[in-house]
Amino acid sequence: GVPVNSRVSSKIQQLLNTLKRPKRPPLKEFFVDDFEELLEVQQPDPNQPKPEGNQMNVLKGEPLGVVTNWPPSLLAALQRWGATQPKAPCLTALDTTGKAIYTLTYGR
């Protein structure tokens, strides 16, 4: 015989429903089986532009001298020389005739 406030009981019911839900979605929702897509060979677009010019080759330069205080990696070398030689040329890109077209400099 005690009057029940329906608003409170609906909030309690909503809380119970929230607690009953799984906290994480099942694993199958995260897993996408794209194996069949990997087997399909994509056909090249016939409207895609074709490469122009000659094929580029790697040039071998002079062998480097043996120096005992060289940094252990390229990244370490760039960090060291960038800190000591700001705004000095770091990398240069050449065009097919051998002229410098882009020069990357060190920065602080």
N, C-alpha and C. Protein backbone atom coordinates (compact mmCIF):
# COMPACT_ATOMS: atom_id res chain seq x y z
N GLY A 1 0.75 -1.18 0.00
CA GLY A 1 0.00 0.00 0.00
C GLY A 1 0.81 1.27 0.00
N VAL A 2 2.12 1.25 -0.22
CA VAL A 2 2.91 2.48 -0.23
C VAL A 2 2.92 3.01 -1.66
N PRO A 3 2.57 4.29 -1.85
CA PRO A 3 2.60 4.83 -3.21
C PRO A 3 4.04 4.85 -3.75
N VAL A 4 4.20 4.41 -5.01
CA VAL A 4 5.53 4.34 -5.65
C VAL A 4 5.63 5.45 -6.67
N ASN A 5 6.68 6.20 -6.55
CA ASN A 5 6.92 7.27 -7.52
C ASN A 5 7.45 6.63 -8.80
N SER A 6 6.70 6.71 -9.89
CA SER A 6 7.09 6.04 -11.14
C SER A 6 8.36 6.66 -11.73
N ARG A 7 8.62 7.92 -11.44
CA ARG A 7 9.81 8.58 -11.98
C ARG A 7 11.06 7.96 -11.37
N VAL A 8 11.07 7.70 -10.08
CA VAL A 8 12.22 7.10 -9.42
C VAL A 8 12.40 5.67 -9.92
N SER A 9 11.34 4.92 -10.03
CA SER A 9 11.49 3.54 -10.47
C SER A 9 11.97 3.47 -11.92
N SER A 10 11.57 4.41 -12.77
CA SER A 10 12.07 4.40 -14.16
C SER A 10 13.56 4.74 -14.19
N LYS A 11 14.01 5.62 -13.31
CA LYS A 11 15.45 5.93 -13.25
C LYS A 11 16.23 4.73 -12.76
N ILE A 12 15.68 4.03 -11.78
CA ILE A 12 16.36 2.82 -11.28
C ILE A 12 16.39 1.76 -12.38
N GLN A 13 15.30 1.60 -13.10
CA GLN A 13 15.24 0.63 -14.19
C GLN A 13 16.26 1.00 -15.28
N GLN A 14 16.39 2.28 -15.59
CA GLN A 14 17.36 2.72 -16.59
C GLN A 14 18.78 2.42 -16.13
N LEU A 15 19.06 2.62 -14.84
CA LEU A 15 20.38 2.31 -14.30
C LEU A 15 20.66 0.82 -14.39
N LEU A 16 19.68 0.01 -14.06
CA LEU A 16 19.86 -1.44 -14.15
C LEU A 16 20.12 -1.88 -15.60
N ASN A 17 19.38 -1.29 -16.53
CA ASN A 17 19.60 -1.63 -17.94
C ASN A 17 20.99 -1.21 -18.40
N THR A 18 21.47 -0.08 -17.90
CA THR A 18 22.82 0.38 -18.25
C THR A 18 23.86 -0.58 -17.71
N LEU A 19 23.67 -1.05 -16.49
CA LEU A 19 24.64 -1.97 -15.88
C LEU A 19 24.62 -3.34 -16.54
N LYS A 20 23.49 -3.74 -17.12
CA LYS A 20 23.40 -5.05 -17.76
C LYS A 20 24.10 -5.07 -19.11
N ARG A 21 24.25 -3.92 -19.74
CA ARG A 21 24.91 -3.85 -21.05
C ARG A 21 26.38 -4.23 -20.92
N PRO A 22 26.94 -4.90 -21.94
CA PRO A 22 28.37 -5.20 -21.88
C PRO A 22 29.19 -3.91 -21.95
N LYS A 23 30.29 -3.90 -21.24
CA LYS A 23 31.12 -2.69 -21.18
C LYS A 23 31.90 -2.48 -22.48
N ARG A 24 32.26 -3.57 -23.13
CA ARG A 24 32.99 -3.46 -24.40
C ARG A 24 32.22 -4.20 -25.48
N PRO A 25 32.27 -3.70 -26.69
CA PRO A 25 31.61 -4.44 -27.77
C PRO A 25 32.36 -5.75 -28.02
N PRO A 26 31.68 -6.75 -28.55
CA PRO A 26 32.35 -8.02 -28.83
C PRO A 26 33.50 -7.84 -29.82
N LEU A 27 34.45 -8.74 -29.76
CA LEU A 27 35.65 -8.64 -30.59
C LEU A 27 35.32 -8.69 -32.07
N LYS A 28 34.28 -9.42 -32.46
CA LYS A 28 33.98 -9.54 -33.88
C LYS A 28 33.60 -8.20 -34.51
N GLU A 29 33.17 -7.23 -33.71
CA GLU A 29 32.86 -5.91 -34.26
C GLU A 29 34.13 -5.15 -34.64
N PHE A 30 35.26 -5.49 -34.02
CA PHE A 30 36.53 -4.82 -34.34
C PHE A 30 37.25 -5.53 -35.48
N PHE A 31 36.99 -6.81 -35.67
CA PHE A 31 37.72 -7.59 -36.66
C PHE A 31 37.04 -7.50 -38.01
N VAL A 32 37.78 -7.11 -39.03
CA VAL A 32 37.26 -7.04 -40.38
C VAL A 32 38.05 -8.03 -41.23
N ASP A 33 37.37 -8.98 -41.80
CA ASP A 33 38.03 -9.98 -42.62
C ASP A 33 38.12 -9.45 -44.05
N ASP A 34 39.30 -8.91 -44.40
CA ASP A 34 39.48 -8.36 -45.74
C ASP A 34 40.40 -9.23 -46.57
N PHE A 35 40.49 -10.52 -46.24
CA PHE A 35 41.38 -11.42 -46.96
C PHE A 35 40.99 -11.51 -48.44
N GLU A 36 39.68 -11.58 -48.71
CA GLU A 36 39.23 -11.68 -50.09
C GLU A 36 39.53 -10.40 -50.87
N GLU A 37 39.48 -9.26 -50.19
CA GLU A 37 39.83 -8.01 -50.86
C GLU A 37 41.30 -7.98 -51.23
N LEU A 38 42.14 -8.61 -50.39
CA LEU A 38 43.57 -8.63 -50.67
C LEU A 38 43.87 -9.49 -51.89
N LEU A 39 43.04 -10.50 -52.14
CA LEU A 39 43.27 -11.38 -53.28
C LEU A 39 42.88 -10.73 -54.60
N GLU A 40 41.97 -9.76 -54.54
CA GLU A 40 41.56 -9.07 -55.76
C GLU A 40 42.68 -8.17 -56.25
N VAL A 41 42.97 -8.26 -57.53
CA VAL A 41 44.00 -7.41 -58.13
C VAL A 41 43.30 -6.19 -58.70
N GLN A 42 43.73 -5.04 -58.23
CA GLN A 42 43.13 -3.81 -58.74
C GLN A 42 43.66 -3.52 -60.13
N GLN A 43 42.76 -3.20 -61.02
CA GLN A 43 43.15 -2.86 -62.38
C GLN A 43 43.58 -1.39 -62.41
N PRO A 44 44.67 -1.09 -63.10
CA PRO A 44 45.09 0.32 -63.15
C PRO A 44 44.07 1.16 -63.90
N ASP A 45 43.96 2.39 -63.46
CA ASP A 45 43.05 3.33 -64.09
C ASP A 45 43.61 3.72 -65.46
N PRO A 46 42.84 3.53 -66.53
CA PRO A 46 43.38 3.89 -67.86
C PRO A 46 43.59 5.39 -68.02
N ASN A 47 42.93 6.20 -67.21
CA ASN A 47 43.08 7.66 -67.30
C ASN A 47 44.23 8.19 -66.45
N GLN A 48 44.89 7.29 -65.73
CA GLN A 48 46.00 7.71 -64.87
C GLN A 48 47.16 8.19 -65.73
N PRO A 49 47.78 9.31 -65.35
CA PRO A 49 48.90 9.82 -66.15
C PRO A 49 50.08 8.85 -66.13
N LYS A 50 50.77 8.77 -67.25
CA LYS A 50 51.93 7.88 -67.39
C LYS A 50 53.19 8.63 -66.95
N PRO A 51 54.16 7.91 -66.36
CA PRO A 51 55.41 8.58 -65.96
C PRO A 51 56.15 9.11 -67.18
N GLU A 52 56.82 10.22 -66.99
CA GLU A 52 57.58 10.84 -68.07
C GLU A 52 59.04 10.91 -67.69
N GLY A 53 59.89 11.04 -68.69
CA GLY A 53 61.32 11.24 -68.43
C GLY A 53 62.08 9.94 -68.25
N ASN A 54 63.36 10.09 -67.97
CA ASN A 54 64.23 8.93 -67.80
C ASN A 54 64.12 8.39 -66.39
N GLN A 55 64.46 7.11 -66.26
CA GLN A 55 64.46 6.50 -64.94
C GLN A 55 65.68 6.99 -64.18
N MET A 56 65.48 7.29 -62.88
CA MET A 56 66.57 7.80 -62.06
C MET A 56 67.38 6.65 -61.50
N ASN A 57 68.67 6.87 -61.37
CA ASN A 57 69.56 5.86 -60.79
C ASN A 57 70.29 6.47 -59.60
N VAL A 58 70.67 5.62 -58.68
CA VAL A 58 71.41 6.05 -57.51
C VAL A 58 72.87 6.22 -57.90
N LEU A 59 73.46 7.35 -57.50
CA LEU A 59 74.88 7.57 -57.76
C LEU A 59 75.68 7.22 -56.52
N LYS A 60 76.77 6.54 -56.72
CA LYS A 60 77.64 6.22 -55.60
C LYS A 60 78.74 7.27 -55.52
N GLY A 61 78.90 7.83 -54.34
CA GLY A 61 79.91 8.85 -54.14
C GLY A 61 81.19 8.26 -53.60
N GLU A 62 82.03 9.12 -53.11
CA GLU A 62 83.30 8.68 -52.54
C GLU A 62 83.04 7.94 -51.24
N PRO A 63 83.87 6.98 -50.91
CA PRO A 63 83.71 6.32 -49.61
C PRO A 63 84.01 7.31 -48.48
N LEU A 64 83.28 7.18 -47.41
CA LEU A 64 83.46 8.08 -46.28
C LEU A 64 84.70 7.69 -45.49
N GLY A 65 85.39 8.68 -44.97
CA GLY A 65 86.54 8.40 -44.14
C GLY A 65 86.11 7.90 -42.78
N VAL A 66 86.97 7.20 -42.12
CA VAL A 66 86.64 6.67 -40.80
C VAL A 66 86.94 7.73 -39.75
N VAL A 67 85.90 8.15 -39.05
CA VAL A 67 86.03 9.15 -38.00
C VAL A 67 85.48 8.54 -36.72
N THR A 68 86.19 8.71 -35.64
CA THR A 68 85.78 8.04 -34.40
C THR A 68 84.62 8.71 -33.69
N ASN A 69 84.40 10.02 -33.91
CA ASN A 69 83.36 10.72 -33.15
C ASN A 69 82.08 10.92 -33.96
N TRP A 70 81.83 10.09 -34.94
CA TRP A 70 80.60 10.22 -35.73
C TRP A 70 79.40 9.79 -34.91
N PRO A 71 78.27 10.41 -35.14
CA PRO A 71 77.05 10.00 -34.43
C PRO A 71 76.64 8.58 -34.87
N PRO A 72 75.91 7.88 -34.02
CA PRO A 72 75.55 6.49 -34.32
C PRO A 72 74.47 6.34 -35.40
N SER A 73 73.71 7.40 -35.69
CA SER A 73 72.64 7.29 -36.68
C SER A 73 72.51 8.58 -37.46
N LEU A 74 71.76 8.51 -38.55
CA LEU A 74 71.54 9.70 -39.36
C LEU A 74 70.77 10.76 -38.58
N LEU A 75 69.78 10.32 -37.81
CA LEU A 75 69.00 11.27 -37.02
C LEU A 75 69.87 11.98 -35.99
N ALA A 76 70.75 11.23 -35.34
CA ALA A 76 71.65 11.84 -34.37
C ALA A 76 72.60 12.83 -35.05
N ALA A 77 73.05 12.50 -36.26
CA ALA A 77 73.94 13.40 -37.00
C ALA A 77 73.20 14.69 -37.37
N LEU A 78 71.95 14.56 -37.85
CA LEU A 78 71.18 15.75 -38.20
C LEU A 78 70.94 16.63 -36.99
N GLN A 79 70.67 16.02 -35.84
CA GLN A 79 70.45 16.80 -34.63
C GLN A 79 71.73 17.51 -34.20
N ARG A 80 72.86 16.81 -34.28
CA ARG A 80 74.13 17.42 -33.84
C ARG A 80 74.52 18.57 -34.76
N TRP A 81 74.54 18.31 -36.07
CA TRP A 81 74.99 19.36 -36.98
C TRP A 81 73.96 20.46 -37.12
N GLY A 82 72.68 20.15 -36.94
CA GLY A 82 71.65 21.18 -36.98
C GLY A 82 71.78 22.15 -35.82
N ALA A 83 72.24 21.64 -34.66
CA ALA A 83 72.41 22.51 -33.49
C ALA A 83 73.66 23.37 -33.61
N THR A 84 74.70 22.83 -34.26
CA THR A 84 75.95 23.59 -34.34
C THR A 84 76.05 24.44 -35.60
N GLN A 85 75.32 24.09 -36.65
CA GLN A 85 75.41 24.81 -37.92
C GLN A 85 74.01 25.24 -38.40
N PRO A 86 73.33 26.13 -37.67
CA PRO A 86 71.98 26.50 -38.13
C PRO A 86 72.03 27.23 -39.47
N LYS A 87 71.03 26.99 -40.26
CA LYS A 87 70.85 27.59 -41.59
C LYS A 87 71.91 27.17 -42.59
N ALA A 88 72.67 26.14 -42.30
CA ALA A 88 73.60 25.58 -43.28
C ALA A 88 72.84 24.57 -44.13
N PRO A 89 73.22 24.37 -45.39
CA PRO A 89 72.51 23.40 -46.23
C PRO A 89 72.61 21.99 -45.65
N CYS A 90 71.49 21.31 -45.65
CA CYS A 90 71.42 19.96 -45.10
C CYS A 90 71.29 18.94 -46.23
N LEU A 91 70.28 19.10 -47.07
CA LEU A 91 70.03 18.21 -48.20
C LEU A 91 69.73 19.06 -49.42
N THR A 92 70.12 18.58 -50.59
CA THR A 92 69.86 19.29 -51.82
C THR A 92 69.29 18.31 -52.84
N ALA A 93 68.21 18.71 -53.51
CA ALA A 93 67.62 17.91 -54.58
C ALA A 93 68.07 18.50 -55.91
N LEU A 94 68.46 17.63 -56.83
CA LEU A 94 68.94 18.06 -58.14
C LEU A 94 67.94 17.67 -59.21
N ASP A 95 67.87 18.48 -60.28
CA ASP A 95 67.03 18.10 -61.41
C ASP A 95 67.83 17.18 -62.34
N THR A 96 67.27 16.83 -63.47
CA THR A 96 67.92 15.87 -64.37
C THR A 96 69.20 16.42 -64.99
N THR A 97 69.36 17.73 -65.01
CA THR A 97 70.59 18.30 -65.57
C THR A 97 71.66 18.50 -64.51
N GLY A 98 71.34 18.22 -63.26
CA GLY A 98 72.32 18.35 -62.19
C GLY A 98 72.28 19.68 -61.47
N LYS A 99 71.30 20.51 -61.78
CA LYS A 99 71.17 21.81 -61.10
C LYS A 99 70.37 21.62 -59.82
N ALA A 100 70.75 22.36 -58.79
CA ALA A 100 70.06 22.29 -57.50
C ALA A 100 68.70 22.99 -57.64
N ILE A 101 67.62 22.26 -57.31
CA ILE A 101 66.29 22.87 -57.40
C ILE A 101 65.71 23.13 -56.01
N TYR A 102 66.03 22.27 -55.03
CA TYR A 102 65.56 22.48 -53.66
C TYR A 102 66.73 22.27 -52.71
N THR A 103 66.82 23.12 -51.71
CA THR A 103 67.84 22.97 -50.68
C THR A 103 67.17 23.05 -49.33
N LEU A 104 67.36 22.02 -48.54
CA LEU A 104 66.82 21.97 -47.19
C LEU A 104 67.92 22.41 -46.24
N THR A 105 67.61 23.34 -45.35
CA THR A 105 68.62 23.84 -44.41
C THR A 105 68.29 23.38 -43.00
N TYR A 106 69.30 23.37 -42.16
CA TYR A 106 69.10 23.07 -40.75
C TYR A 106 68.34 24.20 -40.10
N GLY A 107 67.68 23.94 -39.03
CA GLY A 107 66.99 24.97 -38.28
C GLY A 107 67.08 24.68 -36.80
N ARG A 108 66.85 25.68 -36.02
CA ARG A 108 66.89 25.47 -34.56
C ARG A 108 65.51 25.18 -34.06
